[in-house]
């Protein structure tokens, strides 16, 4: 499906009955909307209308060149524009990795439109900022962000030798066919630079506050990017009904490494917080 907005045309996977409960799924780096294939199937089977777009920079039709065009406020605007184009006044929002960060910010900026929030892996941005100041472990885990932000040839390095470094990110935790699909997608001219521009865009224009919508946060113990301090701190940033689930022995790539568990948690969250 193609979704046209003022910011460009977004490619999206769509499933489920048109009249079903609307759910938007946001992927992270370095993946696409296909990361949600198992959750899409599960949600659609339960009558939801599911849309998983390739976000700004990942969709060829919405790929500005400047790093500043990937500021978090513009990414939130994309969510608003996509759902408005879909005719969704309210929707359930799900995000992983960078998609999780966009989901947190969207729930804060537009709480009247987000029925429920589910974030996988990514702690609340305020919790992450706190632990970057106070927790040496999280500072070490986040060093890669500085490298990708400040090294303008990072994409060349990642794609060298048949994308050896990019392939290594998936660490055998992502199905081989999925990993190959991501590598092909991000090997397109300009695609990986656009994806890295999310890191290079600069700090948010404003501070994020607490979240008031019903929230499910799913974190995994073997996540290399986000440690336990930020995960445990996240609950302090949610005023609405909050559920924190820890997946033992699972890496960062939760949607594909533990798809059945994540789908079950997500469906239970939606059932618990029905039509508002």
Foldseek 3Di string as FASTA:
>chain_A
DWFQFPLWIWDKDKAADLPFAEEEEEEAPLAALCLQVLLRVLQRVVRHIYIYIGFALLGPGRDDQDLQCLALVNRLVVVVRRCVSSVQQAHAYEYAHVRLQSQLVNLQVCVVRHQEYEYEADFHPVLLVVCCVPPPLLVVLAVVLVCLQPPLCVVVVCPPPPSVNQLCVCVPLAPPVRSVVSSVSCPPPSRVSSSSSNSNNDDHPDDGAAGAHHYEYEHEPAESNDHPSSLVSRVVRYPHHYHYHYHYPHYSSCCRNPVVVVSVVVVVSDVVRDDD
